[in-house]
Amino acid sequence: MSGEQITNNSIETQTLEGELHSLKNSSKKKRVDINDLLNKVRSAQKKEKMESTIFFGLVAAVIVVTGIIVSI
């Protein structure tokens, strides 16, 4: 075996060991916090409400501007 192959094998081994270690740690962190989920849902609803309000405002502005132009 050449030195390059040994180096590549050791790097691959270290990478696989690191991935295995991270998988073990992530399995411990698999708990789901209900408060985090609720906060995500609330923020998504807030964003959706803001988008709806902006869309409604733009539609209302277009109607008002069109009414002003037609009345002139």
PDB file of N, CA and C in Angstrom:
ATOM      1  N   MET A   1       0.837  -1.176   0.000  1.00  0.00           N
ATOM      2  CA  MET A   1       0.000   0.000   0.000  1.00  0.00           C
ATOM      3  C   MET A   1       0.878   1.234   0.000  1.00  0.00           C
ATOM      4  N   SER A   2       0.464   2.200  -0.784  1.00  0.00           N
ATOM      5  CA  SER A   2       1.256   3.418  -0.810  1.00  0.00           C
ATOM      6  C   SER A   2       0.817   4.336   0.331  1.00  0.00           C
ATOM      7  N   GLY A   3       1.643   5.323   0.597  1.00  0.00           N
ATOM      8  CA  GLY A   3       1.338   6.277   1.667  1.00  0.00           C
ATOM      9  C   GLY A   3       0.075   7.069   1.382  1.00  0.00           C
ATOM     10  N   GLU A   4      -0.187   7.326   0.112  1.00  0.00           N
ATOM     11  CA  GLU A   4      -1.379   8.089  -0.262  1.00  0.00           C
ATOM     12  C   GLU A   4      -2.640   7.304   0.045  1.00  0.00           C
ATOM     13  N   GLN A   5      -2.638   6.009  -0.221  1.00  0.00           N
ATOM     14  CA  GLN A   5      -3.801   5.184   0.048  1.00  0.00           C
ATOM     15  C   GLN A   5      -4.058   5.086   1.542  1.00  0.00           C
ATOM     16  N   ILE A   6      -3.000   4.977   2.325  1.00  0.00           N
ATOM     17  CA  ILE A   6      -3.157   4.914   3.775  1.00  0.00           C
ATOM     18  C   ILE A   6      -3.740   6.223   4.289  1.00  0.00           C
ATOM     19  N   THR A   7      -3.259   7.335   3.748  1.00  0.00           N
ATOM     20  CA  THR A   7      -3.767   8.639   4.166  1.00  0.00           C
ATOM     21  C   THR A   7      -5.233   8.776   3.798  1.00  0.00           C
ATOM     22  N   ASN A   8      -5.607   8.380   2.577  1.00  0.00           N
ATOM     23  CA  ASN A   8      -7.000   8.461   2.148  1.00  0.00           C
ATOM     24  C   ASN A   8      -7.888   7.584   3.009  1.00  0.00           C
ATOM     25  N   ASN A   9      -7.417   6.374   3.328  1.00  0.00           N
ATOM     26  CA  ASN A   9      -8.201   5.471   4.171  1.00  0.00           C
ATOM     27  C   ASN A   9      -8.378   6.041   5.570  1.00  0.00           C
ATOM     28  N   SER A  10      -7.333   6.649   6.114  1.00  0.00           N
ATOM     29  CA  SER A  10      -7.452   7.206   7.460  1.00  0.00           C
ATOM     30  C   SER A  10      -8.374   8.415   7.461  1.00  0.00           C
ATOM     31  N   ILE A  11      -8.346   9.206   6.397  1.00  0.00           N
ATOM     32  CA  ILE A  11      -9.250  10.362   6.307  1.00  0.00           C
ATOM     33  C   ILE A  11     -10.689   9.888   6.201  1.00  0.00           C
ATOM     34  N   GLU A  12     -10.929   8.857   5.380  1.00  0.00           N
ATOM     35  CA  GLU A  12     -12.280   8.310   5.254  1.00  0.00           C
ATOM     36  C   GLU A  12     -12.753   7.724   6.575  1.00  0.00           C
ATOM     37  N   THR A  13     -11.869   7.059   7.281  1.00  0.00           N
ATOM     38  CA  THR A  13     -12.219   6.479   8.576  1.00  0.00           C
ATOM     39  C   THR A  13     -12.574   7.573   9.573  1.00  0.00           C
ATOM     40  N   GLN A  14     -11.794   8.637   9.602  1.00  0.00           N
ATOM     41  CA  GLN A  14     -12.082   9.749  10.506  1.00  0.00           C
ATOM     42  C   GLN A  14     -13.410  10.401  10.143  1.00  0.00           C
ATOM     43  N   THR A  15     -13.680  10.545   8.845  1.00  0.00           N
ATOM     44  CA  THR A  15     -14.934  11.145   8.404  1.00  0.00           C
ATOM     45  C   THR A  15     -16.110  10.280   8.821  1.00  0.00           C
ATOM     46  N   LEU A  16     -15.998   8.966   8.610  1.00  0.00           N
ATOM     47  CA  LEU A  16     -17.080   8.063   8.993  1.00  0.00           C
ATOM     48  C   LEU A  16     -17.284   8.041  10.500  1.00  0.00           C
ATOM     49  N   GLU A  17     -16.179   8.088  11.259  1.00  0.00           N
ATOM     50  CA  GLU A  17     -16.300   8.119  12.714  1.00  0.00           C
ATOM     51  C   GLU A  17     -16.982   9.407  13.164  1.00  0.00           C
ATOM     52  N   GLY A  18     -16.644  10.528  12.510  1.00  0.00           N
ATOM     53  CA  GLY A  18     -17.280  11.799  12.843  1.00  0.00           C
ATOM     54  C   GLY A  18     -18.766  11.778  12.540  1.00  0.00           C
ATOM     55  N   GLU A  19     -19.139  11.172  11.407  1.00  0.00           N
ATOM     56  CA  GLU A  19     -20.553  11.068  11.056  1.00  0.00           C
ATOM     57  C   GLU A  19     -21.293  10.178  12.042  1.00  0.00           C
ATOM     58  N   LEU A  20     -20.670   9.072  12.429  1.00  0.00           N
ATOM     59  CA  LEU A  20     -21.280   8.170  13.400  1.00  0.00           C
ATOM     60  C   LEU A  20     -21.485   8.875  14.731  1.00  0.00           C
ATOM     61  N   HIS A  21     -20.482   9.634  15.152  1.00  0.00           N
ATOM     62  CA  HIS A  21     -20.586  10.382  16.409  1.00  0.00           C
ATOM     63  C   HIS A  21     -21.710  11.415  16.327  1.00  0.00           C
ATOM     64  N   SER A  22     -21.812  12.107  15.197  1.00  0.00           N
ATOM     65  CA  SER A  22     -22.866  13.113  15.065  1.00  0.00           C
ATOM     66  C   SER A  22     -24.243  12.460  15.018  1.00  0.00           C
ATOM     67  N   LEU A  23     -24.344  11.271  14.433  1.00  0.00           N
ATOM     68  CA  LEU A  23     -25.624  10.557  14.423  1.00  0.00           C
ATOM     69  C   LEU A  23     -26.026  10.132  15.830  1.00  0.00           C
ATOM     70  N   LYS A  24     -25.044   9.706  16.624  1.00  0.00           N
ATOM     71  CA  LYS A  24     -25.351   9.330  17.998  1.00  0.00           C
ATOM     72  C   LYS A  24     -25.831  10.541  18.781  1.00  0.00           C
ATOM     73  N   ASN A  25     -25.186  11.681  18.591  1.00  0.00           N
ATOM     74  CA  ASN A  25     -25.594  12.899  19.297  1.00  0.00           C
ATOM     75  C   ASN A  25     -26.944  13.385  18.814  1.00  0.00           C
ATOM     76  N   SER A  26     -27.225  13.255  17.531  1.00  0.00           N
ATOM     77  CA  SER A  26     -28.499  13.746  17.020  1.00  0.00           C
ATOM     78  C   SER A  26     -29.646  12.868  17.490  1.00  0.00           C
ATOM     79  N   SER A  27     -29.382  11.578  17.746  1.00  0.00           N
ATOM     80  CA  SER A  27     -30.445  10.709  18.238  1.00  0.00           C
ATOM     81  C   SER A  27     -30.867  11.124  19.643  1.00  0.00           C
ATOM     82  N   LYS A  28     -29.958  11.704  20.390  1.00  0.00           N
ATOM     83  CA  LYS A  28     -30.303  12.194  21.721  1.00  0.00           C
ATOM     84  C   LYS A  28     -31.139  13.465  21.637  1.00  0.00           C
ATOM     85  N   LYS A  29     -31.001  14.209  20.554  1.00  0.00           N
ATOM     86  CA  LYS A  29     -31.697  15.480  20.407  1.00  0.00           C
ATOM     87  C   LYS A  29     -32.972  15.336  19.591  1.00  0.00           C
ATOM     88  N   LYS A  30     -33.542  14.158  19.501  1.00  0.00           N
ATOM     89  CA  LYS A  30     -34.728  13.917  18.693  1.00  0.00           C
ATOM     90  C   LYS A  30     -36.011  14.348  19.398  1.00  0.00           C
ATOM     91  N   ARG A  31     -35.923  14.882  20.586  1.00  0.00           N
ATOM     92  CA  ARG A  31     -37.127  15.329  21.277  1.00  0.00           C
ATOM     93  C   ARG A  31     -37.709  16.541  20.571  1.00  0.00           C
ATOM     94  N   VAL A  32     -39.025  16.585  20.535  1.00  0.00           N
ATOM     95  CA  VAL A  32     -39.718  17.692  19.892  1.00  0.00           C
ATOM     96  C   VAL A  32     -40.330  18.547  20.980  1.00  0.00           C
ATOM     97  N   ASP A  33     -40.017  19.821  20.936  1.00  0.00           N
ATOM     98  CA  ASP A  33     -40.571  20.747  21.909  1.00  0.00           C
ATOM     99  C   ASP A  33     -41.843  21.347  21.317  1.00  0.00           C
ATOM    100  N   ILE A  34     -42.958  21.151  21.982  1.00  0.00           N
ATOM    101  CA  ILE A  34     -44.252  21.611  21.481  1.00  0.00           C
ATOM    102  C   ILE A  34     -44.274  23.130  21.371  1.00  0.00           C
ATOM    103  N   ASN A  35     -43.560  23.808  22.257  1.00  0.00           N
ATOM    104  CA  ASN A  35     -43.533  25.269  22.196  1.00  0.00           C
ATOM    105  C   ASN A  35     -42.830  25.762  20.936  1.00  0.00           C
ATOM    106  N   ASP A  36     -41.772  25.080  20.522  1.00  0.00           N
ATOM    107  CA  ASP A  36     -41.098  25.448  19.280  1.00  0.00           C
ATOM    108  C   ASP A  36     -42.030  25.267  18.087  1.00  0.00           C
ATOM    109  N   LEU A  37     -42.757  24.156  18.073  1.00  0.00           N
ATOM    110  CA  LEU A  37     -43.693  23.908  16.981  1.00  0.00           C
ATOM    111  C   LEU A  37     -44.800  24.947  16.954  1.00  0.00           C
ATOM    112  N   LEU A  38     -45.339  25.282  18.118  1.00  0.00           N
ATOM    113  CA  LEU A  38     -46.400  26.292  18.180  1.00  0.00           C
ATOM    114  C   LEU A  38     -45.882  27.652  17.732  1.00  0.00           C
ATOM    115  N   ASN A  39     -44.656  27.995  18.114  1.00  0.00           N
ATOM    116  CA  ASN A  39     -44.084  29.271  17.686  1.00  0.00           C
ATOM    117  C   ASN A  39     -43.906  29.327  16.180  1.00  0.00           C
ATOM    118  N   LYS A  40     -43.499  28.204  15.572  1.00  0.00           N
ATOM    119  CA  LYS A  40     -43.358  28.162  14.124  1.00  0.00           C
ATOM    120  C   LYS A  40     -44.700  28.350  13.436  1.00  0.00           C
ATOM    121  N   VAL A  41     -45.730  27.696  13.952  1.00  0.00           N
ATOM    122  CA  VAL A  41     -47.065  27.825  13.365  1.00  0.00           C
ATOM    123  C   VAL A  41     -47.581  29.249  13.523  1.00  0.00           C
ATOM    124  N   ARG A  42     -47.375  29.821  14.694  1.00  0.00           N
ATOM    125  CA  ARG A  42     -47.837  31.197  14.923  1.00  0.00           C
ATOM    126  C   ARG A  42     -47.123  32.189  14.013  1.00  0.00           C
ATOM    127  N   SER A  43     -45.819  32.005  13.836  1.00  0.00           N
ATOM    128  CA  SER A  43     -45.083  32.919  12.968  1.00  0.00           C
ATOM    129  C   SER A  43     -45.521  32.747  11.517  1.00  0.00           C
ATOM    130  N   ALA A  44     -45.824  31.528  11.116  1.00  0.00           N
ATOM    131  CA  ALA A  44     -46.308  31.296   9.749  1.00  0.00           C
ATOM    132  C   ALA A  44     -47.671  31.942   9.557  1.00  0.00           C
ATOM    133  N   GLN A  45     -48.539  31.836  10.551  1.00  0.00           N
ATOM    134  CA  GLN A  45     -49.861  32.463  10.458  1.00  0.00           C
ATOM    135  C   GLN A  45     -49.736  33.981  10.437  1.00  0.00           C
ATOM    136  N   LYS A  46     -48.830  34.517  11.234  1.00  0.00           N
ATOM    137  CA  LYS A  46     -48.621  35.961  11.276  1.00  0.00           C
ATOM    138  C   LYS A  46     -48.122  36.459   9.915  1.00  0.00           C
ATOM    139  N   LYS A  47     -47.202  35.718   9.328  1.00  0.00           N
ATOM    140  CA  LYS A  47     -46.671  36.084   8.016  1.00  0.00           C
ATOM    141  C   LYS A  47     -47.771  36.031   6.961  1.00  0.00           C
ATOM    142  N   GLU A  48     -48.589  34.993   7.009  1.00  0.00           N
ATOM    143  CA  GLU A  48     -49.687  34.849   6.052  1.00  0.00           C
ATOM    144  C   GLU A  48     -50.695  35.986   6.211  1.00  0.00           C
ATOM    145  N   LYS A  49     -50.975  36.365   7.446  1.00  0.00           N
ATOM    146  CA  LYS A  49     -51.913  37.450   7.699  1.00  0.00           C
ATOM    147  C   LYS A  49     -51.351  38.770   7.167  1.00  0.00           C
ATOM    148  N   MET A  50     -50.056  38.998   7.362  1.00  0.00           N
ATOM    149  CA  MET A  50     -49.411  40.213   6.868  1.00  0.00           C
ATOM    150  C   MET A  50     -49.473  40.266   5.345  1.00  0.00           C
ATOM    151  N   GLU A  51     -49.213  39.144   4.692  1.00  0.00           N
ATOM    152  CA  GLU A  51     -49.273  39.093   3.233  1.00  0.00           C
ATOM    153  C   GLU A  51     -50.688  39.378   2.740  1.00  0.00           C
ATOM    154  N   SER A  52     -51.689  38.843   3.419  1.00  0.00           N
ATOM    155  CA  SER A  52     -53.082  39.083   3.039  1.00  0.00           C
ATOM    156  C   SER A  52     -53.448  40.555   3.205  1.00  0.00           C
ATOM    157  N   THR A  53     -52.973  41.158   4.293  1.00  0.00           N
ATOM    158  CA  THR A  53     -53.252  42.568   4.544  1.00  0.00           C
ATOM    159  C   THR A  53     -52.602  43.447   3.483  1.00  0.00           C
ATOM    160  N   ILE A  54     -51.377  43.149   3.124  1.00  0.00           N
ATOM    161  CA  ILE A  54     -50.686  43.922   2.091  1.00  0.00           C
ATOM    162  C   ILE A  54     -51.397  43.759   0.753  1.00  0.00           C
ATOM    163  N   PHE A  55     -51.800  42.538   0.409  1.00  0.00           N
ATOM    164  CA  PHE A  55     -52.511  42.302  -0.846  1.00  0.00           C
ATOM    165  C   PHE A  55     -53.826  43.062  -0.871  1.00  0.00           C
ATOM    166  N   PHE A  56     -54.585  43.005   0.217  1.00  0.00           N
ATOM    167  CA  PHE A  56     -55.857  43.731   0.296  1.00  0.00           C
ATOM    168  C   PHE A  56     -55.623  45.236   0.160  1.00  0.00           C
ATOM    169  N   GLY A  57     -54.584  45.757   0.787  1.00  0.00           N
ATOM    170  CA  GLY A  57     -54.269  47.180   0.690  1.00  0.00           C
ATOM    171  C   GLY A  57     -53.917  47.589  -0.723  1.00  0.00           C
ATOM    172  N   LEU A  58     -53.159  46.760  -1.418  1.00  0.00           N
ATOM    173  CA  LEU A  58     -52.811  47.071  -2.805  1.00  0.00           C
ATOM    174  C   LEU A  58     -54.040  47.043  -3.706  1.00  0.00           C
ATOM    175  N   VAL A  59     -54.915  46.070  -3.506  1.00  0.00           N
ATOM    176  CA  VAL A  59     -56.149  45.993  -4.298  1.00  0.00           C
ATOM    177  C   VAL A  59     -57.017  47.218  -4.021  1.00  0.00           C
ATOM    178  N   ALA A  60     -57.145  47.612  -2.761  1.00  0.00           N
ATOM    179  CA  ALA A  60     -57.931  48.789  -2.410  1.00  0.00           C
ATOM    180  C   ALA A  60     -57.324  50.044  -3.027  1.00  0.00           C
ATOM    181  N   ALA A  61     -56.000  50.162  -3.025  1.00  0.00           N
ATOM    182  CA  ALA A  61     -55.338  51.324  -3.617  1.00  0.00           C
ATOM    183  C   ALA A  61     -55.593  51.386  -5.120  1.00  0.00           C
ATOM    184  N   VAL A  62     -55.538  50.241  -5.783  1.00  0.00           N
ATOM    185  CA  VAL A  62     -55.801  50.209  -7.228  1.00  0.00           C
ATOM    186  C   VAL A  62     -57.237  50.628  -7.512  1.00  0.00           C
ATOM    187  N   ILE A  63     -58.178  50.179  -6.715  1.00  0.00           N
ATOM    188  CA  ILE A  63     -59.592  50.551  -6.910  1.00  0.00           C
ATOM    189  C   ILE A  63     -59.771  52.041  -6.696  1.00  0.00           C
ATOM    190  N   VAL A  64     -59.157  52.601  -5.660  1.00  0.00           N
ATOM    191  CA  VAL A  64     -59.276  54.040  -5.399  1.00  0.00           C
ATOM    192  C   VAL A  64     -58.651  54.850  -6.516  1.00  0.00           C
ATOM    193  N   VAL A  65     -57.460  54.472  -6.954  1.00  0.00           N
ATOM    194  CA  VAL A  65     -56.807  55.205  -8.040  1.00  0.00           C
ATOM    195  C   VAL A  65     -57.615  55.099  -9.330  1.00  0.00           C
ATOM    196  N   THR A  66     -58.148  53.936  -9.623  1.00  0.00           N
ATOM    197  CA  THR A  66     -58.982  53.772 -10.803  1.00  0.00           C
ATOM    198  C   THR A  66     -60.239  54.633 -10.697  1.00  0.00           C
ATOM    199  N   GLY A  67     -60.838  54.688  -9.544  1.00  0.00           N
ATOM    200  CA  GLY A  67     -62.031  55.532  -9.336  1.00  0.00           C
ATOM    201  C   GLY A  67     -61.712  57.005  -9.527  1.00  0.00           C
ATOM    202  N   ILE A  68     -60.571  57.447  -9.039  1.00  0.00           N
ATOM    203  CA  ILE A  68     -60.168  58.852  -9.191  1.00  0.00           C
ATOM    204  C   ILE A  68     -59.932  59.161 -10.663  1.00  0.00           C
ATOM    205  N   ILE A  69     -59.253  58.273 -11.380  1.00  0.00           N
ATOM    206  CA  ILE A  69     -58.967  58.502 -12.800  1.00  0.00           C
ATOM    207  C   ILE A  69     -60.271  58.512 -13.603  1.00  0.00           C
ATOM    208  N   VAL A  70     -61.199  57.639 -13.309  1.00  0.00           N
ATOM    209  CA  VAL A  70     -62.473  57.571 -14.031  1.00  0.00           C
ATOM    210  C   VAL A  70     -63.313  58.829 -13.747  1.00  0.00           C
ATOM    211  N   SER A  71     -63.269  59.340 -12.544  1.00  0.00           N
ATOM    212  CA  SER A  71     -64.095  60.507 -12.200  1.00  0.00           C
ATOM    213  C   SER A  71     -63.578  61.799 -12.826  1.00  0.00           C
ATOM    214  N   ILE A  72     -62.333  61.810 -13.267  1.00  0.00           N
ATOM    215  CA  ILE A  72     -61.779  63.027 -13.886  1.00  0.00           C
ATOM    216  C   ILE A  72     -62.159  63.110 -15.302  1.00  0.00           C
TER     217      ILE A  72
END
